[in-house]
Amino acid sequence: MDTAFIKGSKEIEAHFGYFPSFHDDYIDSIEITSKAITICIRMESYEANLKPNSKEKLKLTFTDVKKFFLEGELYGCVSIIYDITFEKQEEEIITKIETSLGTEGSIHSKEI
């Protein structure tokens, strides 16, 4: 998957050794403001490569959001990610979040 249109993608690849699909990782929080949507992800799938009891987190910040749709359990329920995909279409990035439990949906933004 080409992720060059995501700011910081090279740094993410350098840190993890690949650009993650986020499968079996957790959405810790979703913050929605008038300027951005920020999703904080706890990287459980990467933990095997870390020191015991360490928790890697990654934040995805979506700016200039055109539209979004999120559904499922937003509060009081952990969101276990099945897959997150990013697709660049002209002036827009479409991010699709699929979960096996919790919040899922899509975000259409200009930048990530």
C-alpha atoms as a PDB file:
ATOM      1  CA  MET A   1       0.000   0.000   0.000  1.00  0.00           C
ATOM      2  CA  ASP A   2       1.353   3.411  -0.986  1.00  0.00           C
ATOM      3  CA  THR A   3       1.350   5.629   2.105  1.00  0.00           C
ATOM      4  CA  ALA A   4       3.587   8.434   0.816  1.00  0.00           C
ATOM      5  CA  PHE A   5       0.634  10.866   0.975  1.00  0.00           C
ATOM      6  CA  ILE A   6       0.464  10.407   4.788  1.00  0.00           C
ATOM      7  CA  LYS A   7       2.695  12.906   6.592  1.00  0.00           C
ATOM      8  CA  GLY A   8       5.177  11.016   8.759  1.00  0.00           C
ATOM      9  CA  SER A   9       4.690   7.686   6.973  1.00  0.00           C
ATOM     10  CA  LYS A  10       8.448   7.269   6.437  1.00  0.00           C
ATOM     11  CA  GLU A  11       9.070   7.827  10.151  1.00  0.00           C
ATOM     12  CA  ILE A  12       6.379   5.256  11.026  1.00  0.00           C
ATOM     13  CA  GLU A  13       7.959   2.726   8.640  1.00  0.00           C
ATOM     14  CA  ALA A  14      11.416   3.416  10.063  1.00  0.00           C
ATOM     15  CA  HIS A  15      10.205   2.968  13.648  1.00  0.00           C
ATOM     16  CA  PHE A  16       8.133  -0.190  13.160  1.00  0.00           C
ATOM     17  CA  GLY A  17      10.005  -1.618  10.162  1.00  0.00           C
ATOM     18  CA  TYR A  18       6.809  -1.469   8.064  1.00  0.00           C
ATOM     19  CA  PHE A  19       3.629   0.597   7.804  1.00  0.00           C
ATOM     20  CA  PRO A  20       1.142  -1.240  10.034  1.00  0.00           C
ATOM     21  CA  SER A  21      -2.332  -2.456   9.054  1.00  0.00           C
ATOM     22  CA  PHE A  22      -3.223  -2.010  12.758  1.00  0.00           C
ATOM     23  CA  HIS A  23      -4.777  -5.501  12.844  1.00  0.00           C
ATOM     24  CA  ASP A  24      -5.486  -6.487  16.482  1.00  0.00           C
ATOM     25  CA  ASP A  25      -4.355  -3.080  17.762  1.00  0.00           C
ATOM     26  CA  TYR A  26      -6.700  -0.979  19.920  1.00  0.00           C
ATOM     27  CA  ILE A  27      -8.257   2.439  19.500  1.00  0.00           C
ATOM     28  CA  ASP A  28      -7.520   4.102  22.845  1.00  0.00           C
ATOM     29  CA  SER A  29      -9.308   7.358  22.075  1.00  0.00           C
ATOM     30  CA  ILE A  30     -10.969   9.429  19.386  1.00  0.00           C
ATOM     31  CA  GLU A  31     -10.919  13.208  19.729  1.00  0.00           C
ATOM     32  CA  ILE A  32     -13.136  15.273  17.444  1.00  0.00           C
ATOM     33  CA  THR A  33     -12.666  19.042  17.320  1.00  0.00           C
ATOM     34  CA  SER A  34     -13.601  21.745  14.845  1.00  0.00           C
ATOM     35  CA  LYS A  35     -10.080  21.531  13.383  1.00  0.00           C
ATOM     36  CA  ALA A  36      -9.236  17.819  13.355  1.00  0.00           C
ATOM     37  CA  ILE A  37     -10.018  14.235  14.293  1.00  0.00           C
ATOM     38  CA  THR A  38      -7.282  12.469  16.259  1.00  0.00           C
ATOM     39  CA  ILE A  39      -7.246   8.716  16.810  1.00  0.00           C
ATOM     40  CA  CYS A  40      -4.812   7.305  19.368  1.00  0.00           C
ATOM     41  CA  ILE A  41      -3.916   3.658  18.686  1.00  0.00           C
ATOM     42  CA  ARG A  42      -2.291   1.278  21.187  1.00  0.00           C
ATOM     43  CA  MET A  43       0.024  -0.927  19.144  1.00  0.00           C
ATOM     44  CA  GLU A  44      -0.584  -4.374  20.636  1.00  0.00           C
ATOM     45  CA  SER A  45       0.530  -6.260  17.513  1.00  0.00           C
ATOM     46  CA  TYR A  46       3.974  -4.673  17.750  1.00  0.00           C
ATOM     47  CA  GLU A  47       4.480  -5.417  21.446  1.00  0.00           C
ATOM     48  CA  ALA A  48       6.385  -8.650  20.886  1.00  0.00           C
ATOM     49  CA  ASN A  49       9.328  -6.580  19.657  1.00  0.00           C
ATOM     50  CA  LEU A  50       9.346  -4.293  22.704  1.00  0.00           C
ATOM     51  CA  LYS A  51      10.483  -4.526  26.290  1.00  0.00           C
ATOM     52  CA  PRO A  52       7.991  -6.160  28.678  1.00  0.00           C
ATOM     53  CA  ASN A  53       5.206  -3.843  29.884  1.00  0.00           C
ATOM     54  CA  SER A  54       5.991  -1.149  27.306  1.00  0.00           C
ATOM     55  CA  LYS A  55       3.106   0.261  25.314  1.00  0.00           C
ATOM     56  CA  GLU A  56       3.651   1.826  21.903  1.00  0.00           C
ATOM     57  CA  LYS A  57       1.046   4.365  20.849  1.00  0.00           C
ATOM     58  CA  LEU A  58       0.549   6.009  17.504  1.00  0.00           C
ATOM     59  CA  LYS A  59      -1.614   9.050  16.797  1.00  0.00           C
ATOM     60  CA  LEU A  60      -3.312   9.641  13.476  1.00  0.00           C
ATOM     61  CA  THR A  61      -4.518  13.223  13.046  1.00  0.00           C
ATOM     62  CA  PHE A  62      -6.927  13.968  10.207  1.00  0.00           C
ATOM     63  CA  THR A  63      -7.080  17.646   9.200  1.00  0.00           C
ATOM     64  CA  ASP A  64      -9.378  19.537   6.875  1.00  0.00           C
ATOM     65  CA  VAL A  65     -12.018  16.850   7.386  1.00  0.00           C
ATOM     66  CA  LYS A  66     -14.649  16.945   4.645  1.00  0.00           C
ATOM     67  CA  LYS A  67     -16.959  14.343   6.180  1.00  0.00           C
ATOM     68  CA  PHE A  68     -16.836  11.412   8.539  1.00  0.00           C
ATOM     69  CA  PHE A  69     -19.047   8.595   9.755  1.00  0.00           C
ATOM     70  CA  LEU A  70     -18.310   6.626  12.914  1.00  0.00           C
ATOM     71  CA  GLU A  71     -20.602   4.022  14.415  1.00  0.00           C
ATOM     72  CA  GLY A  72     -20.559   1.371  17.088  1.00  0.00           C
ATOM     73  CA  GLU A  73     -19.598   1.576  20.739  1.00  0.00           C
ATOM     74  CA  LEU A  74     -17.924   4.937  21.274  1.00  0.00           C
ATOM     75  CA  TYR A  75     -17.654   4.919  25.081  1.00  0.00           C
ATOM     76  CA  GLY A  76     -16.952   2.210  27.608  1.00  0.00           C
ATOM     77  CA  CYS A  77     -15.921  -0.354  25.009  1.00  0.00           C
ATOM     78  CA  VAL A  78     -12.497  -1.144  23.630  1.00  0.00           C
ATOM     79  CA  SER A  79     -12.250  -0.956  19.838  1.00  0.00           C
ATOM     80  CA  ILE A  80     -10.229  -3.828  18.405  1.00  0.00           C
ATOM     81  CA  ILE A  81      -9.041  -2.920  14.921  1.00  0.00           C
ATOM     82  CA  TYR A  82      -9.468  -5.399  12.097  1.00  0.00           C
ATOM     83  CA  ASP A  83      -7.963  -3.128   9.417  1.00  0.00           C
ATOM     84  CA  ILE A  84      -7.372   0.520   8.537  1.00  0.00           C
ATOM     85  CA  THR A  85      -7.000   1.432   4.865  1.00  0.00           C
ATOM     86  CA  PHE A  86      -6.005   4.739   3.290  1.00  0.00           C
ATOM     87  CA  GLU A  87      -6.894   5.693  -0.275  1.00  0.00           C
ATOM     88  CA  LYS A  88      -5.872   8.887  -2.035  1.00  0.00           C
ATOM     89  CA  GLN A  89      -8.534  10.183  -4.450  1.00  0.00           C
ATOM     90  CA  GLU A  90      -7.686  13.499  -6.128  1.00  0.00           C
ATOM     91  CA  GLU A  91      -7.718  16.114  -3.315  1.00  0.00           C
ATOM     92  CA  GLU A  92      -9.046  13.755  -0.645  1.00  0.00           C
ATOM     93  CA  ILE A  93      -7.817  10.863   1.492  1.00  0.00           C
ATOM     94  CA  ILE A  94     -10.441   8.280   2.390  1.00  0.00           C
ATOM     95  CA  THR A  95      -9.647   6.328   5.548  1.00  0.00           C
ATOM     96  CA  LYS A  96     -11.733   3.257   6.337  1.00  0.00           C
ATOM     97  CA  ILE A  97     -11.619   1.790   9.827  1.00  0.00           C
ATOM     98  CA  GLU A  98     -12.906  -1.761  10.295  1.00  0.00           C
ATOM     99  CA  THR A  99     -13.140  -3.276  13.759  1.00  0.00           C
ATOM    100  CA  SER A 100     -14.053  -6.656  15.155  1.00  0.00           C
ATOM    101  CA  LEU A 101     -15.451  -4.851  18.210  1.00  0.00           C
ATOM    102  CA  GLY A 102     -16.128  -1.173  18.909  1.00  0.00           C
ATOM    103  CA  THR A 103     -16.079   1.935  16.738  1.00  0.00           C
ATOM    104  CA  GLU A 104     -15.665   1.789  12.968  1.00  0.00           C
ATOM    105  CA  GLY A 105     -16.390   3.986   9.978  1.00  0.00           C
ATOM    106  CA  SER A 106     -14.724   6.335   7.516  1.00  0.00           C
ATOM    107  CA  ILE A 107     -13.015   9.717   7.493  1.00  0.00           C
ATOM    108  CA  HIS A 108     -12.621  11.867   4.381  1.00  0.00           C
ATOM    109  CA  SER A 109      -9.851  14.417   4.905  1.00  0.00           C
ATOM    110  CA  LYS A 110      -7.333  16.466   3.012  1.00  0.00           C
ATOM    111  CA  GLU A 111      -4.359  15.457   5.190  1.00  0.00           C
ATOM    112  CA  ILE A 112      -3.265  12.827   7.691  1.00  0.00           C
END
